[in-house]
PDB file of N, CA and C in Angstrom:
ATOM      1  N   MET A   1     -39.348  12.910  10.631  1.00  0.00           N
ATOM      2  CA  MET A   1     -39.091  13.333  12.203  1.00  0.00           C
ATOM      3  C   MET A   1     -37.884  14.528  11.614  1.00  0.00           C
ATOM      4  N   GLU A   2     -38.305  15.599  12.121  1.00  0.00           N
ATOM      5  CA  GLU A   2     -37.669  17.017  11.944  1.00  0.00           C
ATOM      6  C   GLU A   2     -36.636  16.890  13.155  1.00  0.00           C
ATOM      7  N   VAL A   3     -35.317  17.353  12.416  1.00  0.00           N
ATOM      8  CA  VAL A   3     -33.980  17.469  13.084  1.00  0.00           C
ATOM      9  C   VAL A   3     -33.327  18.363  12.780  1.00  0.00           C
ATOM     10  N   ILE A   4     -33.573  19.578  14.446  1.00  0.00           N
ATOM     11  CA  ILE A   4     -33.103  20.720  14.312  1.00  0.00           C
ATOM     12  C   ILE A   4     -31.373  20.442  15.406  1.00  0.00           C
ATOM     13  N   VAL A   5     -30.588  21.331  15.189  1.00  0.00           N
ATOM     14  CA  VAL A   5     -29.467  21.155  16.228  1.00  0.00           C
ATOM     15  C   VAL A   5     -29.338  22.892  15.917  1.00  0.00           C
ATOM     16  N   THR A   6     -29.265  23.015  17.507  1.00  0.00           N
ATOM     17  CA  THR A   6     -29.108  24.283  18.507  1.00  0.00           C
ATOM     18  C   THR A   6     -27.851  24.534  19.407  1.00  0.00           C
ATOM     19  N   ASP A   7     -27.681  25.441  18.842  1.00  0.00           N
ATOM     20  CA  ASP A   7     -26.545  25.766  19.638  1.00  0.00           C
ATOM     21  C   ASP A   7     -25.237  25.716  19.015  1.00  0.00           C
ATOM     22  N   THR A   8     -25.508  25.491  17.781  1.00  0.00           N
ATOM     23  CA  THR A   8     -24.154  25.179  17.359  1.00  0.00           C
ATOM     24  C   THR A   8     -23.112  26.311  16.562  1.00  0.00           C
ATOM     25  N   GLY A   9     -21.540  26.537  16.562  1.00  0.00           N
ATOM     26  CA  GLY A   9     -20.489  26.714  16.520  1.00  0.00           C
ATOM     27  C   GLY A   9     -19.595  26.845  16.930  1.00  0.00           C
ATOM     28  N   TRP A  10     -18.047  27.617  16.491  1.00  0.00           N
ATOM     29  CA  TRP A  10     -16.892  27.016  17.188  1.00  0.00           C
ATOM     30  C   TRP A  10     -16.256  28.927  17.761  1.00  0.00           C
ATOM     31  N   ALA A  11     -15.933  28.594  18.735  1.00  0.00           N
ATOM     32  CA  ALA A  11     -15.095  29.727  19.169  1.00  0.00           C
ATOM     33  C   ALA A  11     -13.934  30.580  18.331  1.00  0.00           C
ATOM     34  N   SER A  12     -14.314  31.622  17.970  1.00  0.00           N
ATOM     35  CA  SER A  12     -12.863  31.883  16.923  1.00  0.00           C
ATOM     36  C   SER A  12     -11.479  32.392  18.119  1.00  0.00           C
ATOM     37  N   HIS A  13     -11.401  32.092  19.010  1.00  0.00           N
ATOM     38  CA  HIS A  13     -10.402  32.673  20.084  1.00  0.00           C
ATOM     39  C   HIS A  13     -10.494  32.072  21.753  1.00  0.00           C
ATOM     40  N   GLY A  14      -9.683  32.028  22.476  1.00  0.00           N
ATOM     41  CA  GLY A  14      -9.695  31.731  23.784  1.00  0.00           C
ATOM     42  C   GLY A  14      -8.125  31.388  24.789  1.00  0.00           C
ATOM     43  N   ASP A  15      -8.472  30.874  25.436  1.00  0.00           N
ATOM     44  CA  ASP A  15      -7.100  31.178  26.337  1.00  0.00           C
ATOM     45  C   ASP A  15      -5.834  30.086  25.865  1.00  0.00           C
ATOM     46  N   GLU A  16      -4.965  30.197  26.712  1.00  0.00           N
ATOM     47  CA  GLU A  16      -4.001  29.257  26.457  1.00  0.00           C
ATOM     48  C   GLU A  16      -4.522  27.846  25.913  1.00  0.00           C
ATOM     49  N   ASN A  17      -4.827  27.351  26.973  1.00  0.00           N
ATOM     50  CA  ASN A  17      -5.258  26.102  27.158  1.00  0.00           C
ATOM     51  C   ASN A  17      -6.212  25.424  25.957  1.00  0.00           C
ATOM     52  N   GLU A  18      -6.957  26.432  25.500  1.00  0.00           N
ATOM     53  CA  GLU A  18      -8.203  26.233  24.911  1.00  0.00           C
ATOM     54  C   GLU A  18      -7.230  26.359  23.202  1.00  0.00           C
ATOM     55  N   SER A  19      -6.544  25.907  22.770  1.00  0.00           N
ATOM     56  CA  SER A  19      -5.516  25.483  21.373  1.00  0.00           C
ATOM     57  C   SER A  19      -6.651  25.581  20.218  1.00  0.00           C
ATOM     58  N   ALA A  20      -7.605  24.621  19.983  1.00  0.00           N
ATOM     59  CA  ALA A  20      -8.376  24.792  18.594  1.00  0.00           C
ATOM     60  C   ALA A  20      -9.521  25.525  18.551  1.00  0.00           C
ATOM     61  N   ALA A  21      -9.859  26.803  19.828  1.00  0.00           N
ATOM     62  CA  ALA A  21     -10.604  28.054  19.596  1.00  0.00           C
ATOM     63  C   ALA A  21      -9.543  28.953  18.591  1.00  0.00           C
ATOM     64  N   THR A  22      -9.741  28.798  17.300  1.00  0.00           N
ATOM     65  CA  THR A  22      -8.818  29.853  16.487  1.00  0.00           C
ATOM     66  C   THR A  22      -9.799  30.656  15.762  1.00  0.00           C
ATOM     67  N   LYS A  23      -9.576  31.732  15.107  1.00  0.00           N
ATOM     68  CA  LYS A  23     -10.223  32.013  13.591  1.00  0.00           C
ATOM     69  C   LYS A  23     -10.712  30.850  12.464  1.00  0.00           C
ATOM     70  N   GLU A  24      -9.118  30.239  12.461  1.00  0.00           N
ATOM     71  CA  GLU A  24      -9.670  29.748  11.184  1.00  0.00           C
ATOM     72  C   GLU A  24     -10.312  28.495  11.226  1.00  0.00           C
ATOM     73  N   ASN A  25     -10.705  27.777  12.674  1.00  0.00           N
ATOM     74  CA  ASN A  25     -11.248  26.449  13.040  1.00  0.00           C
ATOM     75  C   ASN A  25     -12.295  27.159  12.952  1.00  0.00           C
ATOM     76  N   ALA A  26     -13.165  28.674  13.800  1.00  0.00           N
ATOM     77  CA  ALA A  26     -14.040  28.938  13.604  1.00  0.00           C
ATOM     78  C   ALA A  26     -14.630  28.884  11.920  1.00  0.00           C
ATOM     79  N   ARG A  27     -14.217  29.361  11.302  1.00  0.00           N
ATOM     80  CA  ARG A  27     -14.405  29.758   9.800  1.00  0.00           C
ATOM     81  C   ARG A  27     -14.504  28.536   9.098  1.00  0.00           C
ATOM     82  N   THR A  28     -13.750  27.442   9.322  1.00  0.00           N
ATOM     83  CA  THR A  28     -13.943  26.436   8.574  1.00  0.00           C
ATOM     84  C   THR A  28     -14.874  25.521   9.552  1.00  0.00           C
ATOM     85  N   TYR A  29     -15.413  25.364  10.719  1.00  0.00           N
ATOM     86  CA  TYR A  29     -16.728  24.579  11.132  1.00  0.00           C
ATOM     87  C   TYR A  29     -17.921  25.375  10.732  1.00  0.00           C
ATOM     88  N   ASN A  30     -18.005  26.811  10.864  1.00  0.00           N
ATOM     89  CA  ASN A  30     -19.599  28.085  10.216  1.00  0.00           C
ATOM     90  C   ASN A  30     -19.696  27.580   8.608  1.00  0.00           C
ATOM     91  N   TYR A  31     -18.198  27.559   8.005  1.00  0.00           N
ATOM     92  CA  TYR A  31     -18.375  27.394   6.292  1.00  0.00           C
ATOM     93  C   TYR A  31     -18.735  26.211   6.199  1.00  0.00           C
ATOM     94  N   ASN A  32     -18.440  25.390   6.607  1.00  0.00           N
ATOM     95  CA  ASN A  32     -19.339  23.827   6.698  1.00  0.00           C
ATOM     96  C   ASN A  32     -20.282  23.557   6.827  1.00  0.00           C
ATOM     97  N   LEU A  33     -20.945  23.948   7.979  1.00  0.00           N
ATOM     98  CA  LEU A  33     -22.172  24.223   8.455  1.00  0.00           C
ATOM     99  C   LEU A  33     -23.411  24.685   7.194  1.00  0.00           C
ATOM    100  N   ARG A  34     -22.817  25.720   6.882  1.00  0.00           N
ATOM    101  CA  ARG A  34     -23.059  26.436   5.983  1.00  0.00           C
ATOM    102  C   ARG A  34     -23.501  25.627   4.613  1.00  0.00           C
ATOM    103  N   LYS A  35     -22.309  25.283   4.255  1.00  0.00           N
ATOM    104  CA  LYS A  35     -22.382  24.704   2.656  1.00  0.00           C
ATOM    105  C   LYS A  35     -23.460  23.179   3.098  1.00  0.00           C
ATOM    106  N   ARG A  36     -23.231  22.171   4.356  1.00  0.00           N
ATOM    107  CA  ARG A  36     -24.100  21.289   4.556  1.00  0.00           C
ATOM    108  C   ARG A  36     -25.900  21.336   4.846  1.00  0.00           C
ATOM    109  N   LEU A  37     -25.847  22.785   5.235  1.00  0.00           N
ATOM    110  CA  LEU A  37     -27.658  23.162   5.194  1.00  0.00           C
ATOM    111  C   LEU A  37     -27.986  23.505   4.041  1.00  0.00           C
ATOM    112  N   ALA A  38     -26.761  24.321   2.976  1.00  0.00           N
ATOM    113  CA  ALA A  38     -27.176  24.578   1.599  1.00  0.00           C
ATOM    114  C   ALA A  38     -27.132  23.358   1.156  1.00  0.00           C
ATOM    115  N   LYS A  39     -27.359  22.134   1.065  1.00  0.00           N
ATOM    116  CA  LYS A  39     -27.620  21.218   0.456  1.00  0.00           C
ATOM    117  C   LYS A  39     -29.466  20.819   0.457  1.00  0.00           C
ATOM    118  N   MET A  40     -29.441  21.381   1.967  1.00  0.00           N
ATOM    119  CA  MET A  40     -31.145  21.475   1.869  1.00  0.00           C
ATOM    120  C   MET A  40     -31.667  19.229   2.049  1.00  0.00           C
ATOM    121  N   LYS A  41     -30.387  18.910   2.261  1.00  0.00           N
ATOM    122  CA  LYS A  41     -30.616  17.577   2.765  1.00  0.00           C
ATOM    123  C   LYS A  41     -30.478  17.249   4.395  1.00  0.00           C
ATOM    124  N   GLY A  42     -30.856  16.010   4.185  1.00  0.00           N
ATOM    125  CA  GLY A  42     -31.400  15.720   5.703  1.00  0.00           C
ATOM    126  C   GLY A  42     -30.094  14.294   6.076  1.00  0.00           C
ATOM    127  N   THR A  43     -30.331  13.893   7.002  1.00  0.00           N
ATOM    128  CA  THR A  43     -28.720  12.780   7.683  1.00  0.00           C
ATOM    129  C   THR A  43     -28.813  11.731   6.283  1.00  0.00           C
ATOM    130  N   PRO A  44     -28.006  11.151   6.086  1.00  0.00           N
ATOM    131  CA  PRO A  44     -27.911   9.430   5.504  1.00  0.00           C
ATOM    132  C   PRO A  44     -28.626   8.505   5.936  1.00  0.00           C
ATOM    133  N   MET A  45     -29.222   8.642   6.922  1.00  0.00           N
ATOM    134  CA  MET A  45     -30.892   7.829   6.875  1.00  0.00           C
ATOM    135  C   MET A  45     -31.551   8.321   6.988  1.00  0.00           C
ATOM    136  N   ARG A  46     -32.048   9.489   7.109  1.00  0.00           N
ATOM    137  CA  ARG A  46     -33.056   9.936   6.581  1.00  0.00           C
ATOM    138  C   ARG A  46     -33.348  11.593   5.605  1.00  0.00           C
ATOM    139  N   PRO A  47     -32.518  11.171   4.226  1.00  0.00           N
ATOM    140  CA  PRO A  47     -32.325  12.483   3.253  1.00  0.00           C
ATOM    141  C   PRO A  47     -33.357  13.303   2.699  1.00  0.00           C
ATOM    142  N   LYS A  48     -34.463  12.665   3.212  1.00  0.00           N
ATOM    143  CA  LYS A  48     -35.632  13.642   2.440  1.00  0.00           C
ATOM    144  C   LYS A  48     -35.836  14.834   3.685  1.00  0.00           C
ATOM    145  N   ASN A  49     -36.108  14.461   5.002  1.00  0.00           N
ATOM    146  CA  ASN A  49     -35.606  15.152   5.948  1.00  0.00           C
ATOM    147  C   ASN A  49     -34.630  16.594   6.383  1.00  0.00           C
ATOM    148  N   LEU A  50     -35.245  17.553   5.726  1.00  0.00           N
ATOM    149  CA  LEU A  50     -34.380  18.556   6.283  1.00  0.00           C
ATOM    150  C   LEU A  50     -33.954  18.914   7.624  1.00  0.00           C
ATOM    151  N   VAL A  51     -32.457  19.376   7.655  1.00  0.00           N
ATOM    152  CA  VAL A  51     -31.475  19.695   9.367  1.00  0.00           C
ATOM    153  C   VAL A  51     -31.700  21.276   8.621  1.00  0.00           C
ATOM    154  N   LYS A  52     -32.174  21.747   9.830  1.00  0.00           N
ATOM    155  CA  LYS A  52     -32.095  23.159  10.583  1.00  0.00           C
ATOM    156  C   LYS A  52     -30.987  23.532  11.403  1.00  0.00           C
ATOM    157  N   ALA A  53     -30.511  24.380  11.422  1.00  0.00           N
ATOM    158  CA  ALA A  53     -29.618  24.516  12.175  1.00  0.00           C
ATOM    159  C   ALA A  53     -29.591  26.271  12.624  1.00  0.00           C
ATOM    160  N   TYR A  54     -29.287  26.444  14.152  1.00  0.00           N
ATOM    161  CA  TYR A  54     -29.134  27.953  14.517  1.00  0.00           C
ATOM    162  C   TYR A  54     -27.591  28.306  15.020  1.00  0.00           C
ATOM    163  N   VAL A  55     -27.688  29.391  14.511  1.00  0.00           N
ATOM    164  CA  VAL A  55     -25.468  29.520  14.878  1.00  0.00           C
ATOM    165  C   VAL A  55     -25.670  30.032  16.040  1.00  0.00           C
ATOM    166  N   PHE A  56     -24.848  29.810  16.921  1.00  0.00           N
ATOM    167  CA  PHE A  56     -24.394  30.458  18.058  1.00  0.00           C
ATOM    168  C   PHE A  56     -23.172  30.935  18.259  1.00  0.00           C
ATOM    169  N   ALA A  57     -23.421  31.965  18.177  1.00  0.00           N
ATOM    170  CA  ALA A  57     -23.973  33.140  18.216  1.00  0.00           C
ATOM    171  C   ALA A  57     -23.858  34.522  17.330  1.00  0.00           C
ATOM    172  N   ILE A  58     -24.497  35.143  16.676  1.00  0.00           N
ATOM    173  CA  ILE A  58     -24.354  36.441  16.009  1.00  0.00           C
ATOM    174  C   ILE A  58     -23.187  37.221  16.597  1.00  0.00           C
ATOM    175  N   PHE A  59     -23.254  37.377  17.813  1.00  0.00           N
ATOM    176  CA  PHE A  59     -22.392  38.535  18.227  1.00  0.00           C
ATOM    177  C   PHE A  59     -21.505  37.476  19.353  1.00  0.00           C
ATOM    178  N   ASN A  60     -20.251  38.379  19.873  1.00  0.00           N
ATOM    179  CA  ASN A  60     -19.622  38.020  20.384  1.00  0.00           C
ATOM    180  C   ASN A  60     -20.256  38.068  21.575  1.00  0.00           C
ATOM    181  N   LYS A  61     -19.965  37.624  23.109  1.00  0.00           N
ATOM    182  CA  LYS A  61     -20.456  38.260  24.602  1.00  0.00           C
ATOM    183  C   LYS A  61     -19.651  38.341  25.081  1.00  0.00           C
ATOM    184  N   ASN A  62     -18.922  39.680  24.877  1.00  0.00           N
ATOM    185  CA  ASN A  62     -17.933  40.015  25.933  1.00  0.00           C
ATOM    186  C   ASN A  62     -17.699  40.441  27.034  1.00  0.00           C
ATOM    187  N   LEU A  63     -19.452  40.141  27.777  1.00  0.00           N
ATOM    188  CA  LEU A  63     -19.637  40.100  29.111  1.00  0.00           C
ATOM    189  C   LEU A  63     -19.686  38.742  29.717  1.00  0.00           C
ATOM    190  N   MET A  64     -19.651  37.618  28.889  1.00  0.00           N
ATOM    191  CA  MET A  64     -19.740  36.735  29.613  1.00  0.00           C
ATOM    192  C   MET A  64     -19.093  36.190  30.354  1.00  0.00           C
ATOM    193  N   PRO A  65     -19.106  35.205  31.751  1.00  0.00           N
ATOM    194  CA  PRO A  65     -18.379  34.829  32.227  1.00  0.00           C
ATOM    195  C   PRO A  65     -17.342  33.742  31.695  1.00  0.00           C
ATOM    196  N   GLY A  66     -16.684  33.293  32.130  1.00  0.00           N
ATOM    197  CA  GLY A  66     -15.621  31.804  32.180  1.00  0.00           C
ATOM    198  C   GLY A  66     -14.607  32.347  31.557  1.00  0.00           C
ATOM    199  N   PRO A  67     -14.120  31.013  30.338  1.00  0.00           N
ATOM    200  CA  PRO A  67     -13.089  31.202  29.728  1.00  0.00           C
ATOM    201  C   PRO A  67     -13.521  32.034  28.804  1.00  0.00           C
ATOM    202  N   THR A  68     -12.514  32.514  27.566  1.00  0.00           N
ATOM    203  CA  THR A  68     -12.406  33.567  26.636  1.00  0.00           C
ATOM    204  C   THR A  68     -12.952  32.841  25.363  1.00  0.00           C
ATOM    205  N   SER A  69     -12.795  31.407  25.665  1.00  0.00           N
ATOM    206  CA  SER A  69     -13.873  30.842  24.288  1.00  0.00           C
ATOM    207  C   SER A  69     -15.605  31.656  24.159  1.00  0.00           C
ATOM    208  N   GLU A  70     -15.713  31.085  25.739  1.00  0.00           N
ATOM    209  CA  GLU A  70     -17.037  31.462  26.364  1.00  0.00           C
ATOM    210  C   GLU A  70     -17.593  32.704  25.393  1.00  0.00           C
ATOM    211  N   ARG A  71     -16.526  33.569  25.277  1.00  0.00           N
ATOM    212  CA  ARG A  71     -17.367  35.116  24.913  1.00  0.00           C
ATOM    213  C   ARG A  71     -16.864  35.281  22.954  1.00  0.00           C
ATOM    214  N   ASN A  72     -16.378  34.049  22.920  1.00  0.00           N
ATOM    215  CA  ASN A  72     -16.037  34.392  21.181  1.00  0.00           C
ATOM    216  C   ASN A  72     -16.730  33.253  20.100  1.00  0.00           C
ATOM    217  N   PHE A  73     -17.911  32.958  20.947  1.00  0.00           N
ATOM    218  CA  PHE A  73     -18.814  32.107  19.036  1.00  0.00           C
ATOM    219  C   PHE A  73     -19.841  32.977  18.535  1.00  0.00           C
ATOM    220  N   GLY A  74     -19.475  34.686  18.688  1.00  0.00           N
ATOM    221  CA  GLY A  74     -19.915  35.134  17.431  1.00  0.00           C
ATOM    222  C   GLY A  74     -19.360  35.269  16.186  1.00  0.00           C
ATOM    223  N   LEU A  75     -20.771  35.705  14.919  1.00  0.00           N
ATOM    224  CA  LEU A  75     -19.661  35.837  13.707  1.00  0.00           C
ATOM    225  C   LEU A  75     -19.609  37.804  13.512  1.00  0.00           C
ATOM    226  N   PHE A  76     -19.985  38.077  14.828  1.00  0.00           N
ATOM    227  CA  PHE A  76     -19.567  39.733  15.040  1.00  0.00           C
ATOM    228  C   PHE A  76     -19.159  40.343  16.488  1.00  0.00           C
ATOM    229  N   LYS A  77     -18.334  41.021  16.427  1.00  0.00           N
ATOM    230  CA  LYS A  77     -17.898  41.345  17.859  1.00  0.00           C
ATOM    231  C   LYS A  77     -19.086  42.290  18.206  1.00  0.00           C
ATOM    232  N   PRO A  78     -18.405  43.126  19.890  1.00  0.00           N
ATOM    233  CA  PRO A  78     -19.797  43.584  19.870  1.00  0.00           C
ATOM    234  C   PRO A  78     -19.676  45.167  19.058  1.00  0.00           C
ATOM    235  N   ASP A  79     -18.815  45.751  18.580  1.00  0.00           N
ATOM    236  CA  ASP A  79     -18.828  46.582  17.940  1.00  0.00           C
ATOM    237  C   ASP A  79     -19.016  46.627  16.234  1.00  0.00           C
ATOM    238  N   GLY A  80     -19.779  45.480  16.058  1.00  0.00           N
ATOM    239  CA  GLY A  80     -20.668  45.606  14.844  1.00  0.00           C
ATOM    240  C   GLY A  80     -19.246  44.504  13.613  1.00  0.00           C
ATOM    241  N   SER A  81     -17.829  44.913  14.477  1.00  0.00           N
ATOM    242  CA  SER A  81     -17.360  44.411  13.042  1.00  0.00           C
ATOM    243  C   SER A  81     -17.023  42.752  12.871  1.00  0.00           C
ATOM    244  N   ILE A  82     -17.066  42.149  12.180  1.00  0.00           N
ATOM    245  CA  ILE A  82     -16.546  40.802  11.646  1.00  0.00           C
ATOM    246  C   ILE A  82     -15.781  39.797  12.407  1.00  0.00           C
ATOM    247  N   SER A  83     -15.590  39.047  13.856  1.00  0.00           N
ATOM    248  CA  SER A  83     -15.305  38.303  14.096  1.00  0.00           C
ATOM    249  C   SER A  83     -14.818  36.940  13.164  1.00  0.00           C
ATOM    250  N   CYS A  84     -15.994  36.778  12.498  1.00  0.00           N
ATOM    251  CA  CYS A  84     -15.518  35.037  11.836  1.00  0.00           C
ATOM    252  C   CYS A  84     -16.503  35.204  10.621  1.00  0.00           C
ATOM    253  N   ASP A  85     -15.631  35.175   9.414  1.00  0.00           N
ATOM    254  CA  ASP A  85     -16.056  35.749   7.912  1.00  0.00           C
ATOM    255  C   ASP A  85     -16.373  33.702   7.648  1.00  0.00           C
ATOM    256  N   ILE A  86     -17.369  33.893   7.166  1.00  0.00           N
ATOM    257  CA  ILE A  86     -17.814  32.282   7.254  1.00  0.00           C
ATOM    258  C   ILE A  86     -17.925  31.700   5.404  1.00  0.00           C
ATOM    259  N   GLY A  87     -18.053  33.060   4.654  1.00  0.00           N
ATOM    260  CA  GLY A  87     -18.125  33.358   3.309  1.00  0.00           C
ATOM    261  C   GLY A  87     -19.380  33.598   3.055  1.00  0.00           C
ATOM    262  N   PHE A  88     -20.238  34.347   3.694  1.00  0.00           N
ATOM    263  CA  PHE A  88     -21.416  34.888   3.222  1.00  0.00           C
ATOM    264  C   PHE A  88     -21.101  36.048   2.761  1.00  0.00           C
ATOM    265  N   HIS A  89     -21.057  36.592   0.698  1.00  0.00           N
ATOM    266  CA  HIS A  89     -20.547  37.417   0.156  1.00  0.00           C
ATOM    267  C   HIS A  89     -21.651  38.963   0.848  1.00  0.00           C
ATOM    268  N   GLY A  90     -22.468  38.744   1.493  1.00  0.00           N
ATOM    269  CA  GLY A  90     -23.271  39.678   1.701  1.00  0.00           C
ATOM    270  C   GLY A  90     -23.335  40.371   3.346  1.00  0.00           C
ATOM    271  N   LEU A  91     -21.896  39.587   3.960  1.00  0.00           N
ATOM    272  CA  LEU A  91     -21.907  39.680   5.386  1.00  0.00           C
ATOM    273  C   LEU A  91     -20.984  40.948   5.061  1.00  0.00           C
ATOM    274  N   LYS A  92     -21.778  41.995   5.964  1.00  0.00           N
ATOM    275  CA  LYS A  92     -20.593  43.161   6.108  1.00  0.00           C
ATOM    276  C   LYS A  92     -20.424  43.851   7.394  1.00  0.00           C
ATOM    277  N   SER A  93     -19.505  44.502   7.577  1.00  0.00           N
ATOM    278  CA  SER A  93     -19.287  44.981   9.397  1.00  0.00           C
ATOM    279  C   SER A  93     -20.610  45.930   9.381  1.00  0.00           C
ATOM    280  N   SER A  94     -21.493  46.129  10.829  1.00  0.00           N
ATOM    281  CA  SER A  94     -21.983  47.048  11.271  1.00  0.00           C
ATOM    282  C   SER A  94     -21.470  48.169  11.164  1.00  0.00           C
ATOM    283  N   SER A  95     -20.235  48.154  11.425  1.00  0.00           N
ATOM    284  CA  SER A  95     -19.756  49.668  12.320  1.00  0.00           C
ATOM    285  C   SER A  95     -19.420  50.473  11.120  1.00  0.00           C
ATOM    286  N   ALA A  96     -18.965  52.107  11.440  1.00  0.00           N
ATOM    287  CA  ALA A  96     -18.902  53.119  10.274  1.00  0.00           C
ATOM    288  C   ALA A  96     -20.602  52.885   9.795  1.00  0.00           C
ATOM    289  N   ASP A  97     -20.555  53.200   8.451  1.00  0.00           N
ATOM    290  CA  ASP A  97     -21.418  53.343   7.497  1.00  0.00           C
ATOM    291  C   ASP A  97     -21.498  52.519   6.534  1.00  0.00           C
ATOM    292  N   SER A  98     -21.475  51.055   7.176  1.00  0.00           N
ATOM    293  CA  SER A  98     -22.037  49.745   6.713  1.00  0.00           C
ATOM    294  C   SER A  98     -22.908  49.751   6.442  1.00  0.00           C
ATOM    295  N   LEU A  99     -23.320  48.761   5.652  1.00  0.00           N
ATOM    296  CA  LEU A  99     -24.889  47.977   5.553  1.00  0.00           C
ATOM    297  C   LEU A  99     -24.830  46.533   6.390  1.00  0.00           C
ATOM    298  N   LEU A 100     -25.334  46.416   6.649  1.00  0.00           N
ATOM    299  CA  LEU A 100     -25.610  44.473   7.273  1.00  0.00           C
ATOM    300  C   LEU A 100     -27.099  44.039   7.000  1.00  0.00           C
ATOM    301  N   LEU A 101     -26.525  43.286   5.805  1.00  0.00           N
ATOM    302  CA  LEU A 101     -27.248  42.373   5.127  1.00  0.00           C
ATOM    303  C   LEU A 101     -28.190  41.468   5.576  1.00  0.00           C
ATOM    304  N   PRO A 102     -29.242  40.800   5.000  1.00  0.00           N
ATOM    305  CA  PRO A 102     -29.879  39.813   6.107  1.00  0.00           C
ATOM    306  C   PRO A 102     -29.106  38.344   5.532  1.00  0.00           C
ATOM    307  N   LEU A 103     -28.252  37.473   6.318  1.00  0.00           N
ATOM    308  CA  LEU A 103     -27.881  36.127   5.919  1.00  0.00           C
ATOM    309  C   LEU A 103     -28.654  35.307   5.526  1.00  0.00           C
ATOM    310  N   LYS A 104     -27.976  34.643   4.016  1.00  0.00           N
ATOM    311  CA  LYS A 104     -28.849  33.427   3.261  1.00  0.00           C
ATOM    312  C   LYS A 104     -27.921  33.008   3.429  1.00  0.00           C
ATOM    313  N   VAL A 105     -28.634  31.380   3.471  1.00  0.00           N
ATOM    314  CA  VAL A 105     -27.661  30.221   2.798  1.00  0.00           C
ATOM    315  C   VAL A 105     -27.623  30.062   1.186  1.00  0.00           C
TER     316      VAL A 105
END
């Protein structure tokens, strides 16, 4: 049985009533997700079945309606600068003359 986790992520900024939406929590969540996926193992009950995940989202969506957190799930801001550093050594801001490298676990 294949397991794919979709739309996973953590907001890096939110409204006053969204106290858990912080850069630190977003970094911790996404960094630990990356570490988990790098192990290339499944769940405890099915350790040989690889778990896949898709980060939601690559870019913050500054025009998204709703609470502030809804606009701050991206690893990058709309201008290409890094919103949430999750420990990828090749992750660089795409603003100015920087090169955006592919993300590898």
